[in-house]
Amino acid sequence: MAKILIVDDDPDFTDATRIVLEKAGHTVVNAVSGDKGFQRAKEEKPDLIVLDVIMDSVLDGVSMSQNMREDPEMRDIPIIMVTSIANTDYAELFPSDEYLHIRAFLTKPVSPSALLKQVDKLLPKK
């Protein structure tokens, strides 16, 4: 199946998501920040990324997605942004009026079926 990179600083979310994805037959790697996620993506060349927004900084995931858009080797990797920012005091900081380099947006908590539906939809067909 596919190699999926989870970039999230919440170990509970990462562990639960890993279980769901591995049960579906995927290989999972992870990182805990946007900077580490960007480096891990360069090293691992994942087929898809599940990316949180709030990690080291309020918009850490948004910054990572923008860095990926600027990198010719990584701009085509699909990103599913998964966040709870809408339920925080930072919701107004989320850039809703500009282009985000993501293919899907899911709000935490995410059901396993909703996550797998997006993963299946966005994975490159082989």
PDB file of N, CA and C in Angstrom:
ATOM      1  N   MET A   1       0.839  -1.183   0.000  1.00  0.00           N
ATOM      2  CA  MET A   1       0.000   0.000   0.000  1.00  0.00           C
ATOM      3  C   MET A   1       0.887   1.251   0.000  1.00  0.00           C
ATOM      4  N   ALA A   2       0.464   2.297   0.689  1.00  0.00           N
ATOM      5  CA  ALA A   2       1.153   3.583   0.623  1.00  0.00           C
ATOM      6  C   ALA A   2       1.949   3.867   1.886  1.00  0.00           C
ATOM      7  N   LYS A   3       2.921   4.778   1.736  1.00  0.00           N
ATOM      8  CA  LYS A   3       3.656   5.298   2.889  1.00  0.00           C
ATOM      9  C   LYS A   3       3.023   6.640   3.239  1.00  0.00           C
ATOM     10  N   ILE A   4       2.597   6.776   4.500  1.00  0.00           N
ATOM     11  CA  ILE A   4       1.915   7.986   4.953  1.00  0.00           C
ATOM     12  C   ILE A   4       2.687   8.597   6.113  1.00  0.00           C
ATOM     13  N   LEU A   5       2.927   9.894   6.019  1.00  0.00           N
ATOM     14  CA  LEU A   5       3.603  10.644   7.067  1.00  0.00           C
ATOM     15  C   LEU A   5       2.557  11.387   7.886  1.00  0.00           C
ATOM     16  N   ILE A   6       2.555  11.143   9.208  1.00  0.00           N
ATOM     17  CA  ILE A   6       1.699  11.885  10.130  1.00  0.00           C
ATOM     18  C   ILE A   6       2.569  12.943  10.794  1.00  0.00           C
ATOM     19  N   VAL A   7       2.168  14.210  10.683  1.00  0.00           N
ATOM     20  CA  VAL A   7       2.898  15.302  11.327  1.00  0.00           C
ATOM     21  C   VAL A   7       1.959  15.918  12.355  1.00  0.00           C
ATOM     22  N   ASP A   8       2.194  15.578  13.623  1.00  0.00           N
ATOM     23  CA  ASP A   8       1.323  16.027  14.712  1.00  0.00           C
ATOM     24  C   ASP A   8       2.087  15.872  16.015  1.00  0.00           C
ATOM     25  N   ASP A   9       1.923  16.823  16.929  1.00  0.00           N
ATOM     26  CA  ASP A   9       2.615  16.761  18.212  1.00  0.00           C
ATOM     27  C   ASP A   9       1.798  16.083  19.308  1.00  0.00           C
ATOM     28  N   ASP A  10       0.626  15.597  18.987  1.00  0.00           N
ATOM     29  CA  ASP A  10      -0.237  14.907  19.958  1.00  0.00           C
ATOM     30  C   ASP A  10      -0.015  13.403  19.821  1.00  0.00           C
ATOM     31  N   PRO A  11       0.689  12.790  20.786  1.00  0.00           N
ATOM     32  CA  PRO A  11       0.984  11.364  20.654  1.00  0.00           C
ATOM     33  C   PRO A  11      -0.262  10.476  20.623  1.00  0.00           C
ATOM     34  N   ASP A  12      -1.329  10.887  21.302  1.00  0.00           N
ATOM     35  CA  ASP A  12      -2.558  10.095  21.281  1.00  0.00           C
ATOM     36  C   ASP A  12      -3.165  10.086  19.873  1.00  0.00           C
ATOM     37  N   PHE A  13      -3.215  11.256  19.235  1.00  0.00           N
ATOM     38  CA  PHE A  13      -3.735  11.325  17.874  1.00  0.00           C
ATOM     39  C   PHE A  13      -2.841  10.528  16.924  1.00  0.00           C
ATOM     40  N   THR A  14      -1.540  10.697  17.053  1.00  0.00           N
ATOM     41  CA  THR A  14      -0.602   9.986  16.185  1.00  0.00           C
ATOM     42  C   THR A  14      -0.752   8.483  16.331  1.00  0.00           C
ATOM     43  N   ASP A  15      -0.816   8.001  17.572  1.00  0.00           N
ATOM     44  CA  ASP A  15      -0.947   6.550  17.797  1.00  0.00           C
ATOM     45  C   ASP A  15      -2.257   6.008  17.239  1.00  0.00           C
ATOM     46  N   ALA A  16      -3.359   6.709  17.496  1.00  0.00           N
ATOM     47  CA  ALA A  16      -4.662   6.248  17.009  1.00  0.00           C
ATOM     48  C   ALA A  16      -4.698   6.255  15.483  1.00  0.00           C
ATOM     49  N   THR A  17      -4.147   7.290  14.881  1.00  0.00           N
ATOM     50  CA  THR A  17      -4.138   7.401  13.416  1.00  0.00           C
ATOM     51  C   THR A  17      -3.240   6.333  12.810  1.00  0.00           C
ATOM     52  N   ARG A  18      -2.099   6.090  13.442  1.00  0.00           N
ATOM     53  CA  ARG A  18      -1.193   5.030  12.984  1.00  0.00           C
ATOM     54  C   ARG A  18      -1.919   3.677  12.955  1.00  0.00           C
ATOM     55  N   ILE A  19      -2.646   3.372  14.009  1.00  0.00           N
ATOM     56  CA  ILE A  19      -3.364   2.092  14.095  1.00  0.00           C
ATOM     57  C   ILE A  19      -4.373   1.971  12.955  1.00  0.00           C
ATOM     58  N   VAL A  20      -5.147   3.032  12.731  1.00  0.00           N
ATOM     59  CA  VAL A  20      -6.164   3.026  11.658  1.00  0.00           C
ATOM     60  C   VAL A  20      -5.501   2.811  10.299  1.00  0.00           C
ATOM     61  N   LEU A  21      -4.430   3.555  10.038  1.00  0.00           N
ATOM     62  CA  LEU A  21      -3.768   3.483   8.732  1.00  0.00           C
ATOM     63  C   LEU A  21      -3.044   2.160   8.525  1.00  0.00           C
ATOM     64  N   GLU A  22      -2.377   1.665   9.566  1.00  0.00           N
ATOM     65  CA  GLU A  22      -1.679   0.384   9.433  1.00  0.00           C
ATOM     66  C   GLU A  22      -2.665  -0.764   9.261  1.00  0.00           C
ATOM     67  N   LYS A  23      -3.801  -0.690   9.949  1.00  0.00           N
ATOM     68  CA  LYS A  23      -4.831  -1.712   9.789  1.00  0.00           C
ATOM     69  C   LYS A  23      -5.347  -1.743   8.354  1.00  0.00           C
ATOM     70  N   ALA A  24      -5.325  -0.586   7.688  1.00  0.00           N
ATOM     71  CA  ALA A  24      -5.750  -0.497   6.284  1.00  0.00           C
ATOM     72  C   ALA A  24      -4.621  -0.899   5.326  1.00  0.00           C
ATOM     73  N   GLY A  25      -3.462  -1.281   5.882  1.00  0.00           N
ATOM     74  CA  GLY A  25      -2.369  -1.787   5.054  1.00  0.00           C
ATOM     75  C   GLY A  25      -1.288  -0.786   4.701  1.00  0.00           C
ATOM     76  N   HIS A  26      -1.335   0.414   5.272  1.00  0.00           N
ATOM     77  CA  HIS A  26      -0.353   1.440   4.942  1.00  0.00           C
ATOM     78  C   HIS A  26       0.855   1.383   5.874  1.00  0.00           C
ATOM     79  N   THR A  27       1.987   1.884   5.405  1.00  0.00           N
ATOM     80  CA  THR A  27       3.169   2.081   6.224  1.00  0.00           C
ATOM     81  C   THR A  27       3.102   3.507   6.761  1.00  0.00           C
ATOM     82  N   VAL A  28       3.407   3.674   8.050  1.00  0.00           N
ATOM     83  CA  VAL A  28       3.260   4.992   8.673  1.00  0.00           C
ATOM     84  C   VAL A  28       4.584   5.423   9.297  1.00  0.00           C
ATOM     85  N   VAL A  29       4.961   6.672   9.035  1.00  0.00           N
ATOM     86  CA  VAL A  29       6.081   7.330   9.697  1.00  0.00           C
ATOM     87  C   VAL A  29       5.526   8.613  10.294  1.00  0.00           C
ATOM     88  N   ASN A  30       6.257   9.197  11.260  1.00  0.00           N
ATOM     89  CA  ASN A  30       5.705  10.405  11.874  1.00  0.00           C
ATOM     90  C   ASN A  30       6.779  11.416  12.224  1.00  0.00           C
ATOM     91  N   ALA A  31       6.311  12.637  12.498  1.00  0.00           N
ATOM     92  CA  ALA A  31       7.140  13.749  12.961  1.00  0.00           C
ATOM     93  C   ALA A  31       6.270  14.604  13.872  1.00  0.00           C
ATOM     94  N   VAL A  32       6.924  15.390  14.745  1.00  0.00           N
ATOM     95  CA  VAL A  32       6.169  16.123  15.765  1.00  0.00           C
ATOM     96  C   VAL A  32       6.099  17.632  15.544  1.00  0.00           C
ATOM     97  N   SER A  33       6.646  18.118  14.426  1.00  0.00           N
ATOM     98  CA  SER A  33       6.588  19.555  14.141  1.00  0.00           C
ATOM     99  C   SER A  33       6.663  19.766  12.638  1.00  0.00           C
ATOM    100  N   GLY A  34       6.360  20.987  12.219  1.00  0.00           N
ATOM    101  CA  GLY A  34       6.422  21.308  10.803  1.00  0.00           C
ATOM    102  C   GLY A  34       7.831  21.180  10.243  1.00  0.00           C
ATOM    103  N   ASP A  35       8.831  21.691  10.979  1.00  0.00           N
ATOM    104  CA  ASP A  35      10.216  21.589  10.508  1.00  0.00           C
ATOM    105  C   ASP A  35      10.660  20.140  10.399  1.00  0.00           C
ATOM    106  N   LYS A  36      10.367  19.352  11.440  1.00  0.00           N
ATOM    107  CA  LYS A  36      10.744  17.938  11.419  1.00  0.00           C
ATOM    108  C   LYS A  36       9.939  17.180  10.364  1.00  0.00           C
ATOM    109  N   GLY A  37       8.681  17.570  10.184  1.00  0.00           N
ATOM    110  CA  GLY A  37       7.849  16.942   9.170  1.00  0.00           C
ATOM    111  C   GLY A  37       8.367  17.200   7.768  1.00  0.00           C
ATOM    112  N   PHE A  38       8.813  18.440   7.519  1.00  0.00           N
ATOM    113  CA  PHE A  38       9.362  18.792   6.214  1.00  0.00           C
ATOM    114  C   PHE A  38      10.611  17.958   5.931  1.00  0.00           C
ATOM    115  N   GLN A  39      11.504  17.857   6.936  1.00  0.00           N
ATOM    116  CA  GLN A  39      12.724  17.053   6.779  1.00  0.00           C
ATOM    117  C   GLN A  39      12.386  15.577   6.567  1.00  0.00           C
ATOM    118  N   ARG A  40      11.428  15.092   7.344  1.00  0.00           N
ATOM    119  CA  ARG A  40      11.036  13.672   7.231  1.00  0.00           C
ATOM    120  C   ARG A  40      10.422  13.400   5.856  1.00  0.00           C
ATOM    121  N   ALA A  41       9.648  14.354   5.344  1.00  0.00           N
ATOM    122  CA  ALA A  41       9.053  14.201   4.015  1.00  0.00           C
ATOM    123  C   ALA A  41      10.141  14.132   2.948  1.00  0.00           C
ATOM    124  N   LYS A  42      11.189  14.946   3.087  1.00  0.00           N
ATOM    125  CA  LYS A  42      12.293  14.928   2.125  1.00  0.00           C
ATOM    126  C   LYS A  42      13.001  13.573   2.161  1.00  0.00           C
ATOM    127  N   GLU A  43      13.182  13.019   3.372  1.00  0.00           N
ATOM    128  CA  GLU A  43      13.889  11.748   3.538  1.00  0.00           C
ATOM    129  C   GLU A  43      13.035  10.553   3.099  1.00  0.00           C
ATOM    130  N   GLU A  44      11.785  10.527   3.519  1.00  0.00           N
ATOM    131  CA  GLU A  44      10.926   9.356   3.343  1.00  0.00           C
ATOM    132  C   GLU A  44      10.149   9.343   2.031  1.00  0.00           C
ATOM    133  N   LYS A  45       9.936  10.527   1.435  1.00  0.00           N
ATOM    134  CA  LYS A  45       9.147  10.651   0.203  1.00  0.00           C
ATOM    135  C   LYS A  45       7.803   9.908   0.323  1.00  0.00           C
ATOM    136  N   PRO A  46       6.964  10.353   1.278  1.00  0.00           N
ATOM    137  CA  PRO A  46       5.681   9.671   1.490  1.00  0.00           C
ATOM    138  C   PRO A  46       4.720   9.876   0.316  1.00  0.00           C
ATOM    139  N   ASP A  47       3.742   8.994   0.237  1.00  0.00           N
ATOM    140  CA  ASP A  47       2.711   9.103  -0.788  1.00  0.00           C
ATOM    141  C   ASP A  47       1.640  10.114  -0.382  1.00  0.00           C
ATOM    142  N   LEU A  48       1.533  10.390   0.930  1.00  0.00           N
ATOM    143  CA  LEU A  48       0.504  11.273   1.455  1.00  0.00           C
ATOM    144  C   LEU A  48       0.931  11.753   2.833  1.00  0.00           C
ATOM    145  N   ILE A  49       0.467  12.941   3.230  1.00  0.00           N
ATOM    146  CA  ILE A  49       0.788  13.488   4.549  1.00  0.00           C
ATOM    147  C   ILE A  49      -0.502  13.859   5.271  1.00  0.00           C
ATOM    148  N   VAL A  50      -0.583  13.466   6.541  1.00  0.00           N
ATOM    149  CA  VAL A  50      -1.650  13.901   7.443  1.00  0.00           C
ATOM    150  C   VAL A  50      -1.002  14.938   8.344  1.00  0.00           C
ATOM    151  N   LEU A  51      -1.475  16.187   8.268  1.00  0.00           N
ATOM    152  CA  LEU A  51      -0.771  17.318   8.868  1.00  0.00           C
ATOM    153  C   LEU A  51      -1.652  18.108   9.827  1.00  0.00           C
ATOM    154  N   ASP A  52      -1.163  18.301  11.050  1.00  0.00           N
ATOM    155  CA  ASP A  52      -1.830  19.151  12.036  1.00  0.00           C
ATOM    156  C   ASP A  52      -1.484  20.615  11.754  1.00  0.00           C
ATOM    157  N   VAL A  53      -2.220  21.535  12.323  1.00  0.00           N
ATOM    158  CA  VAL A  53      -1.935  22.962  12.149  1.00  0.00           C
ATOM    159  C   VAL A  53      -1.102  23.482  13.320  1.00  0.00           C
ATOM    160  N   ILE A  54      -1.590  23.310  14.553  1.00  0.00           N
ATOM    161  CA  ILE A  54      -0.938  23.887  15.728  1.00  0.00           C
ATOM    162  C   ILE A  54       0.047  22.881  16.318  1.00  0.00           C
ATOM    163  N   MET A  55       1.340  23.215  16.214  1.00  0.00           N
ATOM    164  CA  MET A  55       2.387  22.382  16.820  1.00  0.00           C
ATOM    165  C   MET A  55       3.376  23.310  17.516  1.00  0.00           C
ATOM    166  N   ASP A  56       4.587  23.495  16.965  1.00  0.00           N
ATOM    167  CA  ASP A  56       5.565  24.403  17.586  1.00  0.00           C
ATOM    168  C   ASP A  56       5.062  25.841  17.620  1.00  0.00           C
ATOM    169  N   SER A  57       4.296  26.221  16.614  1.00  0.00           N
ATOM    170  CA  SER A  57       3.691  27.545  16.582  1.00  0.00           C
ATOM    171  C   SER A  57       2.234  27.383  16.169  1.00  0.00           C
ATOM    172  N   VAL A  58       1.469  28.456  16.239  1.00  0.00           N
ATOM    173  CA  VAL A  58       0.038  28.385  15.973  1.00  0.00           C
ATOM    174  C   VAL A  58      -0.262  27.902  14.553  1.00  0.00           C
ATOM    175  N   LEU A  59       0.527  28.316  13.579  1.00  0.00           N
ATOM    176  CA  LEU A  59       0.282  27.930  12.188  1.00  0.00           C
ATOM    177  C   LEU A  59       1.433  27.099  11.622  1.00  0.00           C
ATOM    178  N   ASP A  60       2.052  26.281  12.454  1.00  0.00           N
ATOM    179  CA  ASP A  60       3.198  25.455  12.058  1.00  0.00           C
ATOM    180  C   ASP A  60       2.871  24.577  10.844  1.00  0.00           C
ATOM    181  N   GLY A  61       1.712  23.946  10.850  1.00  0.00           N
ATOM    182  CA  GLY A  61       1.324  23.087   9.733  1.00  0.00           C
ATOM    183  C   GLY A  61       1.087  23.866   8.447  1.00  0.00           C
ATOM    184  N   VAL A  62       0.528  25.069   8.568  1.00  0.00           N
ATOM    185  CA  VAL A  62       0.321  25.911   7.393  1.00  0.00           C
ATOM    186  C   VAL A  62       1.671  26.272   6.782  1.00  0.00           C
ATOM    187  N   SER A  63       2.646  26.617   7.635  1.00  0.00           N
ATOM    188  CA  SER A  63       3.992  26.940   7.150  1.00  0.00           C
ATOM    189  C   SER A  63       4.617  25.752   6.439  1.00  0.00           C
ATOM    190  N   MET A  64       4.457  24.556   7.007  1.00  0.00           N
ATOM    191  CA  MET A  64       5.013  23.369   6.361  1.00  0.00           C
ATOM    192  C   MET A  64       4.390  23.160   4.988  1.00  0.00           C
ATOM    193  N   SER A  65       3.071  23.321   4.888  1.00  0.00           N
ATOM    194  CA  SER A  65       2.409  23.106   3.597  1.00  0.00           C
ATOM    195  C   SER A  65       2.882  24.130   2.563  1.00  0.00           C
ATOM    196  N   GLN A  66       3.132  25.364   3.004  1.00  0.00           N
ATOM    197  CA  GLN A  66       3.634  26.382   2.089  1.00  0.00           C
ATOM    198  C   GLN A  66       5.059  26.065   1.645  1.00  0.00           C
ATOM    199  N   ASN A  67       5.888  25.568   2.559  1.00  0.00           N
ATOM    200  CA  ASN A  67       7.253  25.166   2.204  1.00  0.00           C
ATOM    201  C   ASN A  67       7.232  24.022   1.198  1.00  0.00           C
ATOM    202  N   MET A  68       6.302  23.108   1.368  1.00  0.00           N
ATOM    203  CA  MET A  68       6.192  21.987   0.431  1.00  0.00           C
ATOM    204  C   MET A  68       5.772  22.481  -0.957  1.00  0.00           C
ATOM    205  N   ARG A  69       4.867  23.441  -1.005  1.00  0.00           N
ATOM    206  CA  ARG A  69       4.415  23.989  -2.286  1.00  0.00           C
ATOM    207  C   ARG A  69       5.584  24.597  -3.055  1.00  0.00           C
ATOM    208  N   GLU A  70       6.536  25.179  -2.331  1.00  0.00           N
ATOM    209  CA  GLU A  70       7.685  25.831  -2.957  1.00  0.00           C
ATOM    210  C   GLU A  70       8.787  24.856  -3.362  1.00  0.00           C
ATOM    211  N   ASP A  71       8.703  23.610  -2.930  1.00  0.00           N
ATOM    212  CA  ASP A  71       9.738  22.619  -3.225  1.00  0.00           C
ATOM    213  C   ASP A  71       9.273  21.720  -4.376  1.00  0.00           C
ATOM    214  N   PRO A  72       9.949  21.773  -5.531  1.00  0.00           N
ATOM    215  CA  PRO A  72       9.511  20.987  -6.686  1.00  0.00           C
ATOM    216  C   PRO A  72       9.421  19.479  -6.419  1.00  0.00           C
ATOM    217  N   GLU A  73      10.239  18.971  -5.505  1.00  0.00           N
ATOM    218  CA  GLU A  73      10.217  17.536  -5.196  1.00  0.00           C
ATOM    219  C   GLU A  73       9.029  17.147  -4.327  1.00  0.00           C
ATOM    220  N   MET A  74       8.436  18.116  -3.636  1.00  0.00           N
ATOM    221  CA  MET A  74       7.391  17.770  -2.671  1.00  0.00           C
ATOM    222  C   MET A  74       6.038  18.395  -2.955  1.00  0.00           C
ATOM    223  N   ARG A  75       5.946  19.270  -3.919  1.00  0.00           N
ATOM    224  CA  ARG A  75       4.693  19.998  -4.120  1.00  0.00           C
ATOM    225  C   ARG A  75       3.531  19.105  -4.553  1.00  0.00           C
ATOM    226  N   ASP A  76       3.811  17.922  -5.095  1.00  0.00           N
ATOM    227  CA  ASP A  76       2.724  17.054  -5.558  1.00  0.00           C
ATOM    228  C   ASP A  76       2.268  16.027  -4.526  1.00  0.00           C
ATOM    229  N   ILE A  77       2.899  16.015  -3.349  1.00  0.00           N
ATOM    230  CA  ILE A  77       2.470  15.083  -2.297  1.00  0.00           C
ATOM    231  C   ILE A  77       1.168  15.606  -1.708  1.00  0.00           C
ATOM    232  N   PRO A  78       0.091  14.816  -1.765  1.00  0.00           N
ATOM    233  CA  PRO A  78      -1.180  15.292  -1.207  1.00  0.00           C
ATOM    234  C   PRO A  78      -1.117  15.435   0.312  1.00  0.00           C
ATOM    235  N   ILE A  79      -1.768  16.482   0.806  1.00  0.00           N
ATOM    236  CA  ILE A  79      -1.813  16.762   2.243  1.00  0.00           C
ATOM    237  C   ILE A  79      -3.265  16.773   2.707  1.00  0.00           C
ATOM    238  N   ILE A  80      -3.517  16.031   3.788  1.00  0.00           N
ATOM    239  CA  ILE A  80      -4.789  16.123   4.499  1.00  0.00           C
ATOM    240  C   ILE A  80      -4.496  16.894   5.775  1.00  0.00           C
ATOM    241  N   MET A  81      -5.064  18.077   5.924  1.00  0.00           N
ATOM    242  CA  MET A  81      -4.873  18.863   7.130  1.00  0.00           C
ATOM    243  C   MET A  81      -5.942  18.452   8.128  1.00  0.00           C
ATOM    244  N   VAL A  82      -5.486  18.055   9.318  1.00  0.00           N
ATOM    245  CA  VAL A  82      -6.388  17.600  10.372  1.00  0.00           C
ATOM    246  C   VAL A  82      -6.103  18.456  11.598  1.00  0.00           C
ATOM    247  N   THR A  83      -7.120  19.169  12.082  1.00  0.00           N
ATOM    248  CA  THR A  83      -6.870  20.105  13.170  1.00  0.00           C
ATOM    249  C   THR A  83      -8.102  20.346  14.027  1.00  0.00           C
ATOM    250  N   SER A  84      -7.846  20.897  15.182  1.00  0.00           N
ATOM    251  CA  SER A  84      -8.933  21.343  16.060  1.00  0.00           C
ATOM    252  C   SER A  84      -8.884  22.860  16.212  1.00  0.00           C
ATOM    253  N   ILE A  85      -8.197  23.551  15.313  1.00  0.00           N
ATOM    254  CA  ILE A  85      -8.023  25.004  15.435  1.00  0.00           C
ATOM    255  C   ILE A  85      -9.366  25.745  15.486  1.00  0.00           C
ATOM    256  N   ALA A  86     -10.381  25.204  14.841  1.00  0.00           N
ATOM    257  CA  ALA A  86     -11.690  25.879  14.843  1.00  0.00           C
ATOM    258  C   ALA A  86     -12.277  25.967  16.244  1.00  0.00           C
ATOM    259  N   ASN A  87     -11.833  25.090  17.137  1.00  0.00           N
ATOM    260  CA  ASN A  87     -12.354  25.062  18.502  1.00  0.00           C
ATOM    261  C   ASN A  87     -11.439  25.777  19.490  1.00  0.00           C
ATOM    262  N   THR A  88     -10.521  26.626  18.989  1.00  0.00           N
ATOM    263  CA  THR A  88      -9.574  27.304  19.869  1.00  0.00           C
ATOM    264  C   THR A  88      -9.687  28.812  19.718  1.00  0.00           C
ATOM    265  N   ASP A  89      -8.934  29.513  20.557  1.00  0.00           N
ATOM    266  CA  ASP A  89      -8.865  30.975  20.465  1.00  0.00           C
ATOM    267  C   ASP A  89      -8.095  31.427  19.227  1.00  0.00           C
ATOM    268  N   TYR A  90      -7.435  30.501  18.549  1.00  0.00           N
ATOM    269  CA  TYR A  90      -6.622  30.833  17.375  1.00  0.00           C
ATOM    270  C   TYR A  90      -7.383  30.713  16.057  1.00  0.00           C
ATOM    271  N   ALA A  91      -8.644  30.383  16.102  1.00  0.00           N
ATOM    272  CA  ALA A  91      -9.411  30.140  14.881  1.00  0.00           C
ATOM    273  C   ALA A  91      -9.334  31.306  13.904  1.00  0.00           C
ATOM    274  N   GLU A  92      -9.363  32.529  14.424  1.00  0.00           N
ATOM    275  CA  GLU A  92      -9.328  33.682  13.518  1.00  0.00           C
ATOM    276  C   GLU A  92      -7.978  33.864  12.832  1.00  0.00           C
ATOM    277  N   LEU A  93      -6.935  33.191  13.312  1.00  0.00           N
ATOM    278  CA  LEU A  93      -5.616  33.284  12.678  1.00  0.00           C
ATOM    279  C   LEU A  93      -5.485  32.363  11.470  1.00  0.00           C
ATOM    280  N   PHE A  94      -6.373  31.378  11.379  1.00  0.00           N
ATOM    281  CA  PHE A  94      -6.271  30.413  10.281  1.00  0.00           C
ATOM    282  C   PHE A  94      -6.551  31.109   8.955  1.00  0.00           C
ATOM    283  N   PRO A  95      -5.675  30.951   7.981  1.00  0.00           N
ATOM    284  CA  PRO A  95      -5.799  31.689   6.710  1.00  0.00           C
ATOM    285  C   PRO A  95      -6.884  31.135   5.802  1.00  0.00           C
ATOM    286  N   SER A  96      -8.118  31.509   6.065  1.00  0.00           N
ATOM    287  CA  SER A  96      -9.232  30.985   5.274  1.00  0.00           C
ATOM    288  C   SER A  96      -9.386  31.707   3.941  1.00  0.00           C
ATOM    289  N   ASP A  97      -8.722  32.857   3.781  1.00  0.00           N
ATOM    290  CA  ASP A  97      -8.911  33.628   2.560  1.00  0.00           C
ATOM    291  C   ASP A  97      -7.750  33.503   1.573  1.00  0.00           C
ATOM    292  N   GLU A  98      -6.786  32.638   1.879  1.00  0.00           N
ATOM    293  CA  GLU A  98      -5.674  32.453   0.958  1.00  0.00           C
ATOM    294  C   GLU A  98      -5.568  30.991   0.558  1.00  0.00           C
ATOM    295  N   TYR A  99      -4.836  30.749  -0.515  1.00  0.00           N
ATOM    296  CA  TYR A  99      -4.671  29.385  -0.997  1.00  0.00           C
ATOM    297  C   TYR A  99      -3.848  28.576  -0.008  1.00  0.00           C
ATOM    298  N   LEU A 100      -4.363  27.443   0.383  1.00  0.00           N
ATOM    299  CA  LEU A 100      -3.619  26.515   1.221  1.00  0.00           C
ATOM    300  C   LEU A 100      -3.222  25.321   0.362  1.00  0.00           C
ATOM    301  N   HIS A 101      -2.004  24.881   0.535  1.00  0.00           N
ATOM    302  CA  HIS A 101      -1.497  23.769  -0.261  1.00  0.00           C
ATOM    303  C   HIS A 101      -1.923  22.439   0.378  1.00  0.00           C
ATOM    304  N   ILE A 102      -3.231  22.238   0.456  1.00  0.00           N
ATOM    305  CA  ILE A 102      -3.763  20.998   1.011  1.00  0.00           C
ATOM    306  C   ILE A 102      -4.843  20.485   0.064  1.00  0.00           C
ATOM    307  N   ARG A 103      -5.102  19.181   0.138  1.00  0.00           N
ATOM    308  CA  ARG A 103      -6.129  18.591  -0.725  1.00  0.00           C
ATOM    309  C   ARG A 103      -7.414  18.294   0.027  1.00  0.00           C
ATOM    310  N   ALA A 104      -7.314  18.196   1.374  1.00  0.00           N
ATOM    311  CA  ALA A 104      -8.505  17.913   2.181  1.00  0.00           C
ATOM    312  C   ALA A 104      -8.298  18.519   3.565  1.00  0.00           C
ATOM    313  N   PHE A 105      -9.420  18.817   4.210  1.00  0.00           N
ATOM    314  CA  PHE A 105      -9.389  19.402   5.546  1.00  0.00           C
ATOM    315  C   PHE A 105     -10.368  18.632   6.416  1.00  0.00           C
ATOM    316  N   LEU A 106      -9.878  18.109   7.535  1.00  0.00           N
ATOM    317  CA  LEU A 106     -10.726  17.383   8.478  1.00  0.00           C
ATOM    318  C   LEU A 106     -10.576  18.007   9.861  1.00  0.00           C
ATOM    319  N   THR A 107     -11.671  18.056  10.604  1.00  0.00           N
ATOM    320  CA  THR A 107     -11.658  18.628  11.944  1.00  0.00           C
ATOM    321  C   THR A 107     -11.562  17.511  12.977  1.00  0.00           C
ATOM    322  N   LYS A 108     -10.660  17.695  13.959  1.00  0.00           N
ATOM    323  CA  LYS A 108     -10.533  16.734  15.062  1.00  0.00           C
ATOM    324  C   LYS A 108     -11.730  16.890  15.986  1.00  0.00           C
ATOM    325  N   PRO A 109     -12.208  15.818  16.563  1.00  0.00           N
ATOM    326  CA  PRO A 109     -11.786  14.439  16.356  1.00  0.00           C
ATOM    327  C   PRO A 109     -12.268  13.904  14.999  1.00  0.00           C
ATOM    328  N   VAL A 110     -11.437  13.075  14.399  1.00  0.00           N
ATOM    329  CA  VAL A 110     -11.730  12.526  13.077  1.00  0.00           C
ATOM    330  C   VAL A 110     -12.121  11.066  13.224  1.00  0.00           C
ATOM    331  N   SER A 111     -13.212  10.696  12.589  1.00  0.00           N
ATOM    332  CA  SER A 111     -13.594   9.282  12.628  1.00  0.00           C
ATOM    333  C   SER A 111     -12.656   8.500  11.709  1.00  0.00           C
ATOM    334  N   PRO A 112     -12.355   7.261  12.062  1.00  0.00           N
ATOM    335  CA  PRO A 112     -11.500   6.446  11.197  1.00  0.00           C
ATOM    336  C   PRO A 112     -12.049   6.333   9.772  1.00  0.00           C
ATOM    337  N   SER A 113     -13.364   6.206   9.633  1.00  0.00           N
ATOM    338  CA  SER A 113     -13.938   6.057   8.288  1.00  0.00           C
ATOM    339  C   SER A 113     -13.761   7.329   7.463  1.00  0.00           C
ATOM    340  N   ALA A 114     -13.908   8.505   8.090  1.00  0.00           N
ATOM    341  CA  ALA A 114     -13.720   9.768   7.360  1.00  0.00           C
ATOM    342  C   ALA A 114     -12.267   9.927   6.923  1.00  0.00           C
ATOM    343  N   LEU A 115     -11.343   9.556   7.799  1.00  0.00           N
ATOM    344  CA  LEU A 115      -9.925   9.642   7.451  1.00  0.00           C
ATOM    345  C   LEU A 115      -9.596   8.700   6.302  1.00  0.00           C
ATOM    346  N   LEU A 116     -10.023   7.452   6.407  1.00  0.00           N
ATOM    347  CA  LEU A 116      -9.720   6.477   5.359  1.00  0.00           C
ATOM    348  C   LEU A 116     -10.367   6.841   4.028  1.00  0.00           C
ATOM    349  N   LYS A 117     -11.534   7.443   4.077  1.00  0.00           N
ATOM    350  CA  LYS A 117     -12.193   7.875   2.842  1.00  0.00           C
ATOM    351  C   LYS A 117     -11.336   8.917   2.124  1.00  0.00           C
ATOM    352  N   GLN A 118     -10.809   9.889   2.874  1.00  0.00           N
ATOM    353  CA  GLN A 118      -9.962  10.914   2.266  1.00  0.00           C
ATOM    354  C   GLN A 118      -8.633  10.327   1.796  1.00  0.00           C
ATOM    355  N   VAL A 119      -8.054   9.443   2.583  1.00  0.00           N
ATOM    356  CA  VAL A 119      -6.791   8.801   2.201  1.00  0.00           C
ATOM    357  C   VAL A 119      -6.974   8.060   0.880  1.00  0.00           C
ATOM    358  N   ASP A 120      -8.018   7.256   0.784  1.00  0.00           N
ATOM    359  CA  ASP A 120      -8.272   6.494  -0.441  1.00  0.00           C
ATOM    360  C   ASP A 120      -8.519   7.408  -1.635  1.00  0.00           C
ATOM    361  N   LYS A 121      -9.205   8.513  -1.389  1.00  0.00           N
ATOM    362  CA  LYS A 121      -9.516   9.461  -2.464  1.00  0.00           C
ATOM    363  C   LYS A 121      -8.251  10.157  -2.996  1.00  0.00           C
ATOM    364  N   LEU A 122      -7.298  10.437  -2.105  1.00  0.00           N
ATOM    365  CA  LEU A 122      -6.153  11.255  -2.471  1.00  0.00           C
ATOM    366  C   LEU A 122      -4.882  10.493  -2.835  1.00  0.00           C
ATOM    367  N   LEU A 123      -4.826   9.221  -2.474  1.00  0.00           N
ATOM    368  CA  LEU A 123      -3.613   8.470  -2.799  1.00  0.00           C
ATOM    369  C   LEU A 123      -3.454   8.327  -4.303  1.00  0.00           C
ATOM    370  N   PRO A 124      -2.216   8.487  -4.760  1.00  0.00           N
ATOM    371  CA  PRO A 124      -1.982   8.269  -6.201  1.00  0.00           C
ATOM    372  C   PRO A 124      -2.345   6.838  -6.575  1.00  0.00           C
ATOM    373  N   LYS A 125      -3.003   6.703  -7.672  1.00  0.00           N
ATOM    374  CA  LYS A 125      -3.394   5.370  -8.139  1.00  0.00           C
ATOM    375  C   LYS A 125      -2.179   4.697  -8.765  1.00  0.00           C
ATOM    376  N   LYS A 126      -1.918   3.482  -8.326  1.00  0.00           N
ATOM    377  CA  LYS A 126      -0.740   2.752  -8.830  1.00  0.00           C
ATOM    378  C   LYS A 126      -1.151   1.561  -9.648  1.00  0.00           C
TER     379      LYS A 126
END
